[in-house]
Amino acid sequence: MNTLALSQSSSAPLISRLTATRAMLGRVPQSVFSLLFRVSVAAVFFKSGLVKIQSWETTLGLFRDEYALPLLPTNVAAYLGTTAELVCPVLIVLGLFARFGAAALFGMTMVIQFLVYPENWAEHLMWASLLGFIISRGPGTLSLDAVIAHRLFGRA
């Protein structure tokens, strides 16, 4: 028996399964992935904000000693950063002004990357990628932005 014919016939079920799986995944709406991306990146920042408000003195110490951001007084940077970490993730998850919230956190990510922890570039790249997707594509149809647009303009 021809070994080429045998290997082709034995790989046919695998190729068929892979093709079916690819087709099935292609039917998952982008809005589902948008929601997953929004929740994933929002959780990181929101959790960080919660940690900061649990011990404000520690937070001020971090901003003063470890983060040492130029141009802003320590207490102003701490308030702005913590507020952004608590408010923007909520906006992103709800899909309400999600592009604005994502842009703010993208800016924060760039500050963290270039001024605070440049060695953590892989983690920051992941955050920036998810935030960049939200900025460029919007929050998707599973969002308050889409509901509002539909009610105001008759479209999602």
Protein backbone atom coordinates (compact mmCIF):
# COMPACT_ATOMS: atom_id res chain seq x y z
CA MET A 1 0.00 0.00 0.00
CA ASN A 2 1.16 3.49 -0.77
CA THR A 3 2.38 5.21 2.44
CA LEU A 4 1.45 8.63 1.08
CA ALA A 5 -2.16 7.55 0.55
CA LEU A 6 -2.23 5.99 4.03
CA SER A 7 -0.93 9.15 5.71
CA GLN A 8 -3.38 11.34 3.76
CA SER A 9 -6.36 9.16 4.67
CA SER A 10 -5.38 9.04 8.35
CA SER A 11 -4.96 12.81 8.55
CA ALA A 12 -8.31 13.56 6.90
CA PRO A 13 -10.35 13.29 10.14
CA LEU A 14 -7.91 15.59 11.93
CA ILE A 15 -8.06 18.18 9.15
CA SER A 16 -11.84 17.92 9.12
CA ARG A 17 -12.00 18.51 12.88
CA LEU A 18 -9.61 21.45 12.69
CA THR A 19 -11.65 22.99 9.87
CA ALA A 20 -14.89 22.55 11.83
CA THR A 21 -13.32 24.04 14.97
CA ARG A 22 -12.01 27.01 13.02
CA ALA A 23 -15.43 27.61 11.49
CA MET A 24 -17.09 27.37 14.91
CA LEU A 25 -14.65 29.86 16.46
CA GLY A 26 -15.19 32.19 13.51
CA ARG A 27 -18.87 32.41 14.45
CA VAL A 28 -18.12 33.80 17.93
CA PRO A 29 -19.08 37.48 17.75
CA GLN A 30 -16.31 40.02 18.21
CA SER A 31 -18.41 41.63 20.95
CA VAL A 32 -17.84 38.55 23.13
CA PHE A 33 -14.08 38.95 22.83
CA SER A 34 -14.41 42.70 23.37
CA LEU A 35 -16.22 42.03 26.64
CA LEU A 36 -13.58 39.49 27.72
CA PHE A 37 -10.78 41.95 26.90
CA ARG A 38 -12.56 44.74 28.78
CA VAL A 39 -13.10 42.64 31.90
CA SER A 40 -9.56 41.22 31.83
CA VAL A 41 -7.71 44.51 31.63
CA ALA A 42 -10.13 46.33 33.95
CA ALA A 43 -9.61 43.72 36.67
CA VAL A 44 -5.86 44.37 36.76
CA PHE A 45 -6.21 48.12 37.24
CA PHE A 46 -9.22 47.97 39.58
CA LYS A 47 -7.45 45.50 41.87
CA SER A 48 -4.43 47.81 41.97
CA GLY A 49 -6.68 50.74 42.90
CA LEU A 50 -8.30 48.76 45.70
CA VAL A 51 -4.88 47.90 47.12
CA LYS A 52 -3.94 51.58 47.07
CA ILE A 53 -7.00 52.74 49.03
CA GLN A 54 -6.54 50.03 51.68
CA SER A 55 -3.44 51.79 52.98
CA TRP A 56 -3.17 55.37 51.84
CA GLU A 57 0.07 56.01 53.75
CA THR A 58 1.71 53.07 51.98
CA THR A 59 0.41 54.38 48.66
CA LEU A 60 1.88 57.82 49.30
CA GLY A 61 5.17 56.16 50.22
CA LEU A 62 5.17 54.18 46.96
CA PHE A 63 4.50 57.29 44.90
CA ARG A 64 7.16 59.25 46.79
CA ASP A 65 9.94 56.66 47.00
CA GLU A 66 9.44 53.95 44.38
CA TYR A 67 7.45 55.57 41.57
CA ALA A 68 9.05 59.03 41.97
CA LEU A 69 7.17 60.54 39.05
CA PRO A 70 8.53 63.81 37.71
CA LEU A 71 6.38 66.93 37.26
CA LEU A 72 3.64 66.02 39.76
CA PRO A 73 3.65 66.33 43.53
CA THR A 74 3.44 62.95 45.25
CA ASN A 75 -0.04 63.41 46.69
CA VAL A 76 -1.47 64.69 43.37
CA ALA A 77 0.04 61.76 41.44
CA ALA A 78 -1.30 59.31 44.05
CA TYR A 79 -4.82 60.75 43.91
CA LEU A 80 -4.89 60.91 40.12
CA GLY A 81 -3.46 57.43 39.67
CA THR A 82 -5.71 55.81 42.25
CA THR A 83 -8.81 57.57 40.94
CA ALA A 84 -8.00 56.45 37.39
CA GLU A 85 -7.46 52.87 38.58
CA LEU A 86 -10.86 52.83 40.28
CA VAL A 87 -13.01 54.83 37.84
CA CYS A 88 -11.68 53.88 34.40
CA PRO A 89 -12.05 50.10 34.87
CA VAL A 90 -15.70 50.56 35.83
CA LEU A 91 -16.29 52.62 32.69
CA ILE A 92 -14.49 50.01 30.59
CA VAL A 93 -16.44 47.04 32.00
CA LEU A 94 -19.76 48.84 31.60
CA GLY A 95 -18.74 49.94 28.14
CA LEU A 96 -19.64 53.53 29.01
CA PHE A 97 -17.15 56.01 27.56
CA ALA A 98 -14.96 52.92 27.28
CA ARG A 99 -12.58 54.44 24.74
CA PHE A 100 -11.95 57.37 27.09
CA GLY A 101 -11.32 55.02 30.04
CA ALA A 102 -9.07 52.80 27.95
CA ALA A 103 -7.11 55.80 26.65
CA ALA A 104 -6.53 57.04 30.21
CA LEU A 105 -5.28 53.62 31.33
CA PHE A 106 -3.18 53.32 28.16
CA GLY A 107 -1.50 56.60 29.12
CA MET A 108 -0.97 55.30 32.64
CA THR A 109 0.51 52.10 31.21
CA MET A 110 3.00 54.14 29.17
CA VAL A 111 4.02 56.13 32.26
CA ILE A 112 4.48 52.89 34.22
CA GLN A 113 6.47 51.33 31.38
CA PHE A 114 8.83 54.21 30.66
CA LEU A 115 9.19 55.88 34.05
CA VAL A 116 8.54 53.27 36.74
CA TYR A 117 9.01 49.60 35.78
CA PRO A 118 10.59 49.29 32.31
CA GLU A 119 11.71 45.74 33.10
CA ASN A 120 8.06 44.58 33.17
CA TRP A 121 7.58 45.33 29.47
CA ALA A 122 5.88 42.00 28.64
CA GLU A 123 3.09 42.59 31.14
CA HIS A 124 2.73 46.20 30.02
CA LEU A 125 2.60 45.10 26.39
CA MET A 126 -0.33 42.81 27.22
CA TRP A 127 -2.20 45.65 28.97
CA ALA A 128 -1.43 48.06 26.12
CA SER A 129 -2.62 45.53 23.53
CA LEU A 130 -5.97 45.00 25.26
CA LEU A 131 -6.42 48.73 25.84
CA GLY A 132 -5.39 49.49 22.26
CA PHE A 133 -8.03 47.07 20.99
CA ILE A 134 -10.70 48.82 23.07
CA ILE A 135 -9.53 52.26 21.91
CA SER A 136 -9.46 51.28 18.23
CA ARG A 137 -12.56 49.04 18.06
CA GLY A 138 -14.69 50.40 20.86
CA PRO A 139 -16.40 48.32 23.53
CA GLY A 140 -18.58 46.33 21.13
CA THR A 141 -22.31 45.69 21.13
CA LEU A 142 -22.33 44.30 24.67
CA SER A 143 -21.89 47.76 26.17
CA LEU A 144 -23.79 50.77 27.43
CA ASP A 145 -22.22 52.83 24.64
CA ALA A 146 -23.96 50.55 22.11
CA VAL A 147 -27.29 50.74 23.96
CA ILE A 148 -27.11 54.54 24.09
CA ALA A 149 -26.10 54.80 20.42
CA HIS A 150 -28.98 52.51 19.44
CA ARG A 151 -31.51 54.58 21.40
CA LEU A 152 -30.22 57.93 20.22
CA PHE A 153 -29.33 57.16 16.64
CA GLY A 154 -31.05 53.85 15.90
CA ARG A 155 -27.77 52.02 15.47
CA ALA A 156 -25.26 50.13 17.58
